[in-house]
Amino acid sequence: MLAGLYALLSAHGCGGRADVTGGGDAGAPRVCVVPARIDIGIECASFETIARPPCFGAGLCGNGYVDNCQSLKDYEDCDGSAFLDVATSCAQLGYTGGRLACYANCRADMRQCDACLPDHVAACVSVVFDTPNGFGGTLASDGDNIAVAFDAPGGVRFGLLTSKLQPIGASGCFGTEGSFGAVAPTSLGWLFGVQLSDHADLYGLDPCGALIGGPKRLDGEISVLSPRVMNGKANAGPLLAWYPPAMPLSVVLLDDAGNFQTTPATVDPAAQYARRGPVRVVSVENGFLIAASYSTSSSEDVTTVTARIGAVSGMIEASQRPIAGDVRDVSLAKLGEEIYFAYTNSSITGGASGRYWLRLDANGAAISPSTPIARHFSSELVAFGSWMGVANDGTIGGLVIAPIFGSEAPPFLVARAGSNSGYWDVLNDPAGPIVAWMHPGFGMARVQP
């Protein structure tokens, strides 16, 4: 059985020890033979060992009763075989079924709960890396495996899964402070950014997530790492989008180790960013298309800019404001060679309030009229092989996908999850989109129509 497991992991570039092989020269790509320990030599506390508030330190956890600590606005989920009346089963927590257990620190253990519905799911993991509660993260693919960087109780973590969402080893700790930042594949493995209070640390990782370089300090706030892709594989280093100190959103091309290859370019030099919205990037021929929303110090309305960036020069080759009004919550995705742009318009003067989608050209200019999106759905685009959809915003009983172009199918339920905190990322992978959610649990699914 173990031999079969190692064969499965090796088929995905990873196996059971920290063995990494490479070519004769130092710049040759590295191939992970068996899984390595993923971390930077520190330990994040595991969820089940995190200390409870002081009122539980007097022996209340472990007494067999579910206690409420009103002074600290905290309570036990369970204690041994005793559970809160409103959370005695996986189903009551919002799952489709499974077995609910209790951690030793009196938190509900949802690792054996089932979230996904089989009709529209090709692969599912209800609780990623044994982390029943997380605070958001980001996903990336190298064409073989899926990287997930996320914030969890105890620290910032990085882990790898196969294309079928089977964990490859355990996740690793990259700091007890900060947040997940960004991650992208490179020709050597991965580049992972961890955001701290006033700067980000960039780590170079091999294909199995073992540290091969860094940290490199990046002053400011990291937004996106986007791979330069040819023939479905990352080549050269990624594009970095970040906010340097007291500067507007900027972009620069990196090498595999996180060094600047080009001179940083400002996406919108005239902007004075007072509030920052999401930043999205897709690859276009010989470059990237970026969309970013922000507000200025003189207005509460949010402006959105799109810009084409050269894949060799790293310079801004074209810049647009594709839609007027208070435009926020932007999303970009490709369906074949067509580029889709979705957004929320909150401005009465700039058009009717609501969520919309339209198509852009490779320079970011609108080439179709705006089309409304149903009110229960977000502006996060989910791309399938022949049609485009959007995810729900967590208000209709689970994680739901609705087609908006190329299909007349009705919305369909993916998982009884995402109903409170919603999804935290969508990865539009060529093998099928992957959606991830924060509540209940901390899981993800590869979606099929």
Protein backbone atom coordinates (compact mmCIF):
# COMPACT_ATOMS: atom_id res chain seq x y z
CA MET A 1 0.00 0.00 0.00
CA LEU A 2 2.82 2.42 0.89
CA ALA A 3 4.62 1.59 -2.34
CA GLY A 4 1.47 2.50 -4.26
CA LEU A 5 1.20 5.79 -2.38
CA TYR A 6 4.80 6.74 -3.18
CA ALA A 7 4.24 5.83 -6.83
CA LEU A 8 1.18 8.10 -6.93
CA LEU A 9 3.06 11.01 -5.37
CA SER A 10 6.09 10.54 -7.61
CA ALA A 11 3.84 10.66 -10.67
CA HIS A 12 2.98 14.22 -9.63
CA GLY A 13 6.62 15.23 -9.10
CA CYS A 14 6.66 14.58 -5.38
CA GLY A 15 7.24 11.54 -3.21
CA GLY A 16 8.40 10.77 0.46
CA ARG A 17 11.83 12.33 1.21
CA ALA A 18 13.45 15.66 0.46
CA ASP A 19 15.34 14.43 -2.63
CA VAL A 20 15.59 16.99 -5.45
CA THR A 21 17.43 16.36 -8.70
CA GLY A 22 18.47 18.81 -11.39
CA GLY A 23 20.55 19.26 -14.52
CA GLY A 24 24.28 19.81 -14.72
CA ASP A 25 24.18 23.62 -14.50
CA ALA A 26 22.96 25.66 -11.55
CA GLY A 27 20.10 27.21 -13.51
CA ALA A 28 18.55 23.89 -14.58
CA PRO A 29 14.95 23.29 -13.47
CA ARG A 30 14.61 21.12 -10.36
CA VAL A 31 12.34 18.10 -10.22
CA CYS A 32 11.04 16.89 -6.88
CA VAL A 33 11.37 13.12 -6.61
CA VAL A 34 9.77 12.61 -3.19
CA PRO A 35 8.04 15.08 -0.83
CA ALA A 36 10.07 17.46 1.24
CA ARG A 37 9.24 19.13 4.52
CA ILE A 38 7.64 22.46 3.65
CA ASP A 39 8.59 25.25 6.04
CA ILE A 40 11.30 27.78 6.94
CA GLY A 41 12.34 26.15 10.18
CA ILE A 42 9.61 27.48 12.46
CA GLU A 43 6.43 25.91 13.76
CA CYS A 44 2.87 27.20 13.46
CA ALA A 45 0.59 26.02 16.23
CA SER A 46 -1.84 23.35 15.08
CA PHE A 47 -5.54 24.16 15.36
CA GLU A 48 -6.21 21.53 18.00
CA THR A 49 -3.38 22.76 20.28
CA ILE A 50 -4.08 26.51 20.21
CA ALA A 51 -4.63 27.71 23.76
CA ARG A 52 -8.14 28.71 24.78
CA PRO A 53 -8.99 32.06 26.48
CA PRO A 54 -8.14 32.39 30.18
CA CYS A 55 -11.60 31.44 31.42
CA PHE A 56 -11.08 28.00 29.88
CA GLY A 57 -7.68 27.66 31.51
CA ALA A 58 -9.27 26.80 34.85
CA GLY A 59 -10.11 23.28 33.70
CA LEU A 60 -13.47 23.94 32.11
CA CYS A 61 -12.39 22.36 28.81
CA GLY A 62 -12.39 18.67 29.58
CA ASN A 63 -15.16 18.63 32.18
CA GLY A 64 -17.65 17.03 29.78
CA TYR A 65 -19.93 20.09 29.60
CA VAL A 66 -20.18 22.77 26.89
CA ASP A 67 -19.24 25.98 28.73
CA ASN A 68 -19.92 29.58 27.69
CA CYS A 69 -17.35 32.28 28.46
CA GLN A 70 -19.56 35.36 28.18
CA SER A 71 -16.95 37.82 29.50
CA LEU A 72 -14.66 37.00 26.56
CA LYS A 73 -17.49 36.44 24.07
CA ASP A 74 -16.25 32.92 23.50
CA TYR A 75 -17.70 29.49 24.04
CA GLU A 76 -16.86 25.85 23.64
CA ASP A 77 -18.14 24.08 20.55
CA CYS A 78 -18.02 20.77 22.35
CA ASP A 79 -16.46 18.91 25.25
CA GLY A 80 -15.78 15.22 24.73
CA SER A 81 -19.05 13.74 23.49
CA ALA A 82 -21.11 16.83 24.42
CA PHE A 83 -21.90 19.39 21.68
CA LEU A 84 -23.77 22.68 21.44
CA ASP A 85 -27.46 22.09 20.80
CA VAL A 86 -27.23 23.97 17.49
CA ALA A 87 -24.13 22.06 16.33
CA THR A 88 -24.45 18.39 17.19
CA SER A 89 -23.83 17.09 13.66
CA CYS A 90 -22.10 17.94 10.39
CA ALA A 91 -25.50 18.64 8.83
CA GLN A 92 -26.34 21.25 11.47
CA LEU A 93 -23.07 23.04 10.63
CA GLY A 94 -24.06 23.22 6.98
CA TYR A 95 -22.40 20.10 5.56
CA THR A 96 -24.12 17.42 3.51
CA GLY A 97 -23.20 14.74 6.05
CA GLY A 98 -20.30 12.97 7.73
CA ARG A 99 -19.16 12.52 11.33
CA LEU A 100 -18.58 15.43 13.68
CA ALA A 101 -15.89 15.02 16.36
CA CYS A 102 -14.36 17.20 19.08
CA TYR A 103 -10.77 18.45 19.42
CA ALA A 104 -9.03 18.31 22.78
CA ASN A 105 -9.29 22.13 23.00
CA CYS A 106 -13.10 21.90 22.80
CA ARG A 107 -13.41 23.08 19.19
CA ALA A 108 -15.53 21.17 16.69
CA ASP A 109 -13.51 18.79 14.51
CA MET A 110 -15.07 18.89 11.04
CA ARG A 111 -12.40 16.90 9.19
CA GLN A 112 -14.76 13.97 8.57
CA CYS A 113 -17.66 16.15 7.41
CA ASP A 114 -18.70 16.14 3.74
CA ALA A 115 -19.28 19.45 1.95
CA CYS A 116 -19.61 18.75 -1.77
CA LEU A 117 -22.49 17.50 -3.87
CA PRO A 118 -21.41 14.88 -6.45
CA ASP A 119 -23.39 16.06 -9.48
CA HIS A 120 -21.12 18.98 -10.36
CA VAL A 121 -17.86 18.15 -8.58
CA ALA A 122 -14.92 16.26 -10.08
CA ALA A 123 -12.85 16.40 -6.86
CA CYS A 124 -13.44 17.77 -3.38
CA VAL A 125 -11.64 18.26 -0.08
CA SER A 126 -13.95 19.45 2.71
CA VAL A 127 -11.17 20.46 5.11
CA VAL A 128 -7.84 21.42 3.52
CA PHE A 129 -4.72 20.18 5.34
CA ASP A 130 -6.71 19.38 8.49
CA THR A 131 -7.50 23.09 8.93
CA PRO A 132 -11.19 23.42 9.87
CA ASN A 133 -11.02 27.20 10.17
CA GLY A 134 -9.05 29.56 7.92
CA PHE A 135 -9.03 33.24 7.12
CA GLY A 136 -8.57 33.29 3.35
CA GLY A 137 -5.86 32.32 0.92
CA THR A 138 -4.84 32.03 -2.70
CA LEU A 139 -4.43 29.23 -5.25
CA ALA A 140 -2.03 28.59 -8.15
CA SER A 141 -1.33 25.75 -10.58
CA ASP A 142 1.87 24.64 -12.33
CA GLY A 143 -0.07 22.43 -14.75
CA ASP A 144 0.43 19.35 -12.54
CA ASN A 145 -0.17 20.30 -8.92
CA ILE A 146 -2.14 22.96 -7.04
CA ALA A 147 -0.45 25.27 -4.53
CA VAL A 148 -2.50 26.75 -1.71
CA ALA A 149 -1.24 29.55 0.51
CA PHE A 150 -3.52 30.43 3.40
CA ASP A 151 -3.91 32.02 6.80
CA ALA A 152 -4.92 29.63 9.55
CA PRO A 153 -5.05 29.73 13.32
CA GLY A 154 -1.40 29.57 14.33
CA GLY A 155 0.23 31.08 11.24
CA VAL A 156 0.70 31.44 7.48
CA ARG A 157 0.86 28.12 5.62
CA PHE A 158 1.77 26.74 2.19
CA GLY A 159 0.78 23.33 0.86
CA LEU A 160 0.44 21.31 -2.33
CA LEU A 161 -2.33 19.12 -3.71
CA THR A 162 -2.57 16.90 -6.77
CA SER A 163 -4.88 17.81 -9.64
CA LYS A 164 -7.49 15.63 -7.89
CA LEU A 165 -7.10 17.75 -4.74
CA GLN A 166 -5.30 15.03 -2.78
CA PRO A 167 -2.84 16.64 -0.31
CA ILE A 168 0.85 16.00 -1.07
CA GLY A 169 2.29 15.67 2.40
CA ALA A 170 1.45 18.25 5.05
CA SER A 171 1.30 22.02 4.75
CA GLY A 172 4.28 24.01 6.03
CA CYS A 173 4.59 27.07 8.26
CA PHE A 174 5.95 30.35 6.85
CA GLY A 175 5.38 32.60 9.83
CA THR A 176 3.30 33.03 12.93
CA GLU A 177 2.49 36.62 11.88
CA GLY A 178 1.40 38.23 8.62
CA SER A 179 -0.89 36.96 5.88
CA PHE A 180 -0.76 34.72 2.82
CA GLY A 181 0.29 37.31 0.19
CA ALA A 182 0.56 35.62 -3.23
CA VAL A 183 1.95 32.53 -4.98
CA ALA A 184 2.88 31.65 -8.59
CA PRO A 185 4.64 28.78 -10.37
CA THR A 186 8.12 29.32 -11.83
CA SER A 187 10.45 27.16 -13.91
CA LEU A 188 12.20 26.13 -10.65
CA GLY A 189 9.07 25.47 -8.60
CA TRP A 190 7.14 28.24 -6.84
CA LEU A 191 7.51 31.83 -5.69
CA PHE A 192 5.58 32.56 -2.49
CA GLY A 193 5.05 35.98 -0.90
CA VAL A 194 4.14 36.41 2.78
CA GLN A 195 2.76 39.84 3.72
CA LEU A 196 3.98 41.32 7.00
CA SER A 197 3.06 44.67 8.59
CA ASP A 198 5.26 46.93 6.43
CA HIS A 199 6.78 44.61 3.83
CA ALA A 200 6.48 41.22 2.15
CA ASP A 201 8.98 38.34 2.18
CA LEU A 202 9.44 36.43 -1.09
CA TYR A 203 10.49 32.76 -0.87
CA GLY A 204 11.71 30.58 -3.72
CA LEU A 205 10.43 27.00 -3.37
CA ASP A 206 11.17 23.83 -5.32
CA PRO A 207 8.34 21.86 -7.00
CA CYS A 208 7.54 20.17 -3.68
CA GLY A 209 7.58 23.39 -1.68
CA ALA A 210 11.02 23.01 -0.06
CA LEU A 211 12.89 26.28 0.47
CA ILE A 212 15.55 27.02 -2.18
CA GLY A 213 15.92 30.79 -1.75
CA GLY A 214 14.92 33.81 0.27
CA PRO A 215 13.44 35.52 2.00
CA LYS A 216 13.84 38.57 -0.21
CA ARG A 217 12.37 41.71 1.28
CA LEU A 218 9.79 43.62 -0.76
CA ASP A 219 8.81 46.96 0.76
CA GLY A 220 5.09 47.70 0.52
CA GLU A 221 1.97 45.55 0.12
CA ILE A 222 1.91 42.59 -2.27
CA SER A 223 -1.23 42.04 -4.39
CA VAL A 224 -0.65 39.46 -7.15
CA LEU A 225 1.99 37.11 -8.54
CA SER A 226 0.97 36.00 -12.04
CA PRO A 227 2.97 33.45 -14.07
CA ARG A 228 4.32 33.99 -17.55
CA VAL A 229 2.80 31.00 -19.31
CA MET A 230 3.60 29.30 -22.62
CA ASN A 231 2.09 25.98 -23.71
CA GLY A 232 0.41 25.60 -20.34
CA LYS A 233 3.67 25.80 -18.34
CA ALA A 234 5.28 28.63 -16.43
CA ASN A 235 8.43 29.97 -18.06
CA ALA A 236 10.73 32.64 -16.66
CA GLY A 237 9.62 34.51 -13.56
CA PRO A 238 6.16 35.90 -12.75
CA LEU A 239 4.65 39.36 -12.89
CA LEU A 240 4.43 41.06 -9.51
CA ALA A 241 1.74 43.66 -8.79
CA TRP A 242 2.19 45.50 -5.50
CA TYR A 243 1.79 48.83 -3.71
CA PRO A 244 5.24 50.30 -2.89
CA PRO A 245 5.29 52.60 0.16
CA ALA A 246 3.27 55.78 -0.53
CA MET A 247 2.94 54.80 -4.20
CA PRO A 248 0.14 53.72 -6.54
CA LEU A 249 -0.20 50.16 -7.77
CA SER A 250 2.98 49.13 -9.63
CA VAL A 251 4.13 46.11 -11.65
CA VAL A 252 7.51 44.50 -12.33
CA LEU A 253 8.75 41.27 -13.90
CA LEU A 254 10.67 38.98 -11.56
CA ASP A 255 13.09 36.14 -12.15
CA ASP A 256 12.51 32.72 -10.58
CA ALA A 257 14.24 33.82 -7.38
CA GLY A 258 12.16 36.98 -6.94
CA ASN A 259 14.73 39.51 -8.22
CA PHE A 260 13.54 42.46 -10.30
CA GLN A 261 14.15 41.87 -14.03
CA THR A 262 12.63 45.13 -15.25
CA THR A 263 12.11 48.66 -13.99
CA PRO A 264 8.88 48.94 -11.96
CA ALA A 265 6.03 50.63 -13.83
CA THR A 266 3.05 52.44 -12.27
CA VAL A 267 -0.32 51.21 -13.53
CA ASP A 268 -2.07 54.57 -13.09
CA PRO A 269 0.49 57.32 -12.31
CA ALA A 270 -2.19 59.95 -11.64
CA ALA A 271 -3.90 57.92 -8.93
CA GLN A 272 -3.68 58.73 -5.25
CA TYR A 273 -4.83 55.50 -3.62
CA ALA A 274 -6.84 55.97 -0.44
CA ARG A 275 -8.59 52.60 -0.49
CA ARG A 276 -7.47 49.56 -2.45
CA GLY A 277 -9.72 47.04 -4.13
CA PRO A 278 -8.98 43.68 -5.75
CA VAL A 279 -6.31 43.27 -8.43
CA ARG A 280 -6.78 40.65 -11.17
CA VAL A 281 -4.41 39.53 -13.95
CA VAL A 282 -4.77 37.26 -17.00
CA SER A 283 -2.19 36.32 -19.64
CA VAL A 284 -2.66 37.70 -23.15
CA GLU A 285 -0.48 37.29 -26.24
CA ASN A 286 3.04 38.54 -25.37
CA GLY A 287 1.85 40.09 -22.15
CA PHE A 288 -0.62 40.47 -19.32
CA LEU A 289 -3.88 42.31 -18.78
CA ILE A 290 -4.39 43.71 -15.29
CA ALA A 291 -7.54 45.17 -13.72
CA ALA A 292 -7.48 47.09 -10.45
CA SER A 293 -9.98 49.17 -8.50
CA TYR A 294 -9.25 51.93 -6.02
CA SER A 295 -10.68 55.07 -4.49
CA THR A 296 -8.91 58.42 -4.37
CA SER A 297 -8.50 60.73 -1.43
CA SER A 298 -10.98 63.17 -2.98
CA SER A 299 -13.86 60.71 -3.56
CA GLU A 300 -15.53 57.72 -2.02
CA ASP A 301 -16.37 56.42 -5.49
CA VAL A 302 -14.13 53.62 -6.71
CA THR A 303 -12.38 53.85 -10.07
CA THR A 304 -11.23 50.85 -12.09
CA VAL A 305 -8.32 50.85 -14.53
CA THR A 306 -7.20 48.12 -16.94
CA ALA A 307 -3.72 48.00 -18.44
CA ARG A 308 -1.77 45.82 -20.86
CA ILE A 309 1.76 44.93 -19.69
CA GLY A 310 4.54 43.63 -21.94
CA ALA A 311 5.78 40.13 -21.10
CA VAL A 312 9.40 41.09 -21.90
CA SER A 313 9.58 44.81 -21.14
CA GLY A 314 7.28 44.84 -18.11
CA MET A 315 6.08 48.28 -19.26
CA ILE A 316 2.50 49.58 -19.51
CA GLU A 317 1.64 49.33 -23.22
CA ALA A 318 -1.99 50.49 -22.99
CA SER A 319 -4.28 51.81 -20.25
CA GLN A 320 -8.07 52.15 -20.13
CA ARG A 321 -10.99 52.94 -17.87
CA PRO A 322 -13.39 50.40 -19.38
CA ILE A 323 -16.50 51.47 -17.50
CA ALA A 324 -17.70 54.68 -15.82
CA GLY A 325 -19.12 54.95 -12.34
CA ASP A 326 -18.27 53.58 -8.91
CA VAL A 327 -16.77 50.29 -10.14
CA ARG A 328 -15.41 47.77 -7.64
CA ASP A 329 -15.08 44.01 -6.94
CA VAL A 330 -13.50 43.45 -10.35
CA SER A 331 -12.74 40.05 -11.88
CA LEU A 332 -10.96 38.91 -15.07
CA ALA A 333 -11.08 35.51 -16.79
CA LYS A 334 -10.45 34.05 -20.25
CA LEU A 335 -12.67 31.72 -22.26
CA GLY A 336 -10.50 30.60 -25.13
CA GLU A 337 -8.99 33.86 -26.35
CA GLU A 338 -11.93 35.99 -25.20
CA ILE A 339 -11.43 38.11 -22.08
CA TYR A 340 -14.32 38.57 -19.66
CA PHE A 341 -14.54 41.38 -17.10
CA ALA A 342 -17.06 41.46 -14.24
CA TYR A 343 -17.65 44.18 -11.69
CA THR A 344 -20.01 45.75 -9.16
CA ASN A 345 -21.30 49.26 -9.89
CA SER A 346 -22.40 51.09 -6.74
CA SER A 347 -22.78 54.53 -8.30
CA ILE A 348 -26.17 55.97 -9.21
CA THR A 349 -24.64 58.70 -11.41
CA GLY A 350 -22.44 56.24 -13.32
CA GLY A 351 -25.22 53.79 -14.17
CA ALA A 352 -27.63 51.48 -12.41
CA SER A 353 -26.32 49.88 -9.24
CA GLY A 354 -25.65 46.15 -9.51
CA ARG A 355 -23.30 43.49 -10.85
CA TYR A 356 -22.37 43.27 -14.52
CA TRP A 357 -20.10 41.55 -17.02
CA LEU A 358 -18.71 42.51 -20.42
CA ARG A 359 -15.89 41.53 -22.79
CA LEU A 360 -12.56 43.34 -23.20
CA ASP A 361 -9.94 43.38 -25.93
CA ALA A 362 -6.29 42.56 -25.18
CA ASN A 363 -5.63 46.23 -24.31
CA GLY A 364 -8.44 46.33 -21.73
CA ALA A 365 -11.00 48.29 -23.75
CA ALA A 366 -14.68 47.28 -23.59
CA ILE A 367 -15.91 45.56 -26.77
CA SER A 368 -19.41 44.57 -25.63
CA PRO A 369 -22.19 46.23 -23.62
CA SER A 370 -22.53 45.51 -19.91
CA THR A 371 -24.93 42.66 -19.04
CA PRO A 372 -26.50 42.37 -15.55
CA ILE A 373 -25.65 39.49 -13.20
CA ALA A 374 -28.34 38.11 -10.89
CA ARG A 375 -28.30 39.80 -7.50
CA HIS A 376 -27.38 36.70 -5.49
CA PHE A 377 -24.13 36.24 -7.42
CA SER A 378 -20.77 37.92 -7.03
CA SER A 379 -18.65 39.35 -9.80
CA GLU A 380 -16.04 36.55 -9.48
CA LEU A 381 -15.81 34.77 -12.84
CA VAL A 382 -15.63 30.97 -13.16
CA ALA A 383 -14.45 29.76 -16.60
CA PHE A 384 -15.44 26.38 -18.03
CA GLY A 385 -14.41 24.85 -21.36
CA SER A 386 -17.25 26.38 -23.38
CA TRP A 387 -19.04 28.81 -21.07
CA MET A 388 -18.48 31.42 -18.40
CA GLY A 389 -20.14 31.60 -15.00
CA VAL A 390 -20.09 33.48 -11.71
CA ALA A 391 -20.00 32.29 -8.09
CA ASN A 392 -22.67 33.15 -5.56
CA ASP A 393 -22.00 35.62 -2.76
CA GLY A 394 -22.87 33.29 0.11
CA THR A 395 -26.56 34.15 0.53
CA ILE A 396 -28.42 31.19 -0.96
CA GLY A 397 -27.52 28.17 1.12
CA GLY A 398 -24.16 27.14 -0.27
CA LEU A 399 -21.62 27.61 -3.02
CA VAL A 400 -23.55 28.01 -6.28
CA ILE A 401 -22.31 28.61 -9.85
CA ALA A 402 -24.51 30.41 -12.41
CA PRO A 403 -23.75 30.41 -16.17
CA ILE A 404 -23.70 33.91 -17.69
CA PHE A 405 -22.49 33.18 -21.25
CA GLY A 406 -22.37 30.11 -23.50
CA SER A 407 -24.87 27.99 -21.54
CA GLU A 408 -28.59 28.12 -20.79
CA ALA A 409 -28.25 25.79 -17.80
CA PRO A 410 -29.73 26.97 -14.50
CA PRO A 411 -27.51 27.76 -11.49
CA PHE A 412 -26.22 24.64 -9.72
CA LEU A 413 -25.10 23.89 -6.18
CA VAL A 414 -21.46 22.79 -5.79
CA ALA A 415 -21.18 22.50 -2.02
CA ARG A 416 -23.15 23.26 1.09
CA ALA A 417 -20.37 25.63 2.05
CA GLY A 418 -19.56 29.27 1.57
CA SER A 419 -22.94 30.21 3.03
CA ASN A 420 -21.56 32.62 5.65
CA SER A 421 -18.00 33.71 4.86
CA GLY A 422 -18.26 32.73 1.19
CA TYR A 423 -15.57 31.50 -1.15
CA TRP A 424 -12.04 32.84 -0.78
CA ASP A 425 -10.60 32.16 -4.23
CA VAL A 426 -11.34 30.86 -7.71
CA LEU A 427 -8.59 29.26 -9.81
CA ASN A 428 -9.57 29.06 -13.47
CA ASP A 429 -7.42 26.01 -14.23
CA PRO A 430 -7.44 24.46 -17.75
CA ALA A 431 -8.42 21.11 -16.22
CA GLY A 432 -11.52 22.72 -14.69
CA PRO A 433 -12.10 25.63 -12.30
CA ILE A 434 -11.38 25.21 -8.59
CA VAL A 435 -13.40 27.14 -6.02
CA ALA A 436 -12.43 27.40 -2.37
CA TRP A 437 -14.44 28.49 0.66
CA MET A 438 -13.97 29.49 4.27
CA HIS A 439 -17.14 28.37 6.03
CA PRO A 440 -18.12 25.86 7.09
CA GLY A 441 -14.67 24.32 7.24
CA PHE A 442 -11.90 25.39 4.90
CA GLY A 443 -12.27 23.44 1.68
CA MET A 444 -12.21 23.44 -2.10
CA ALA A 445 -13.70 21.66 -5.10
CA ARG A 446 -12.88 21.20 -8.77
CA VAL A 447 -16.13 22.01 -10.53
CA GLN A 448 -17.62 20.31 -13.57
CA PRO A 449 -20.79 21.39 -15.43
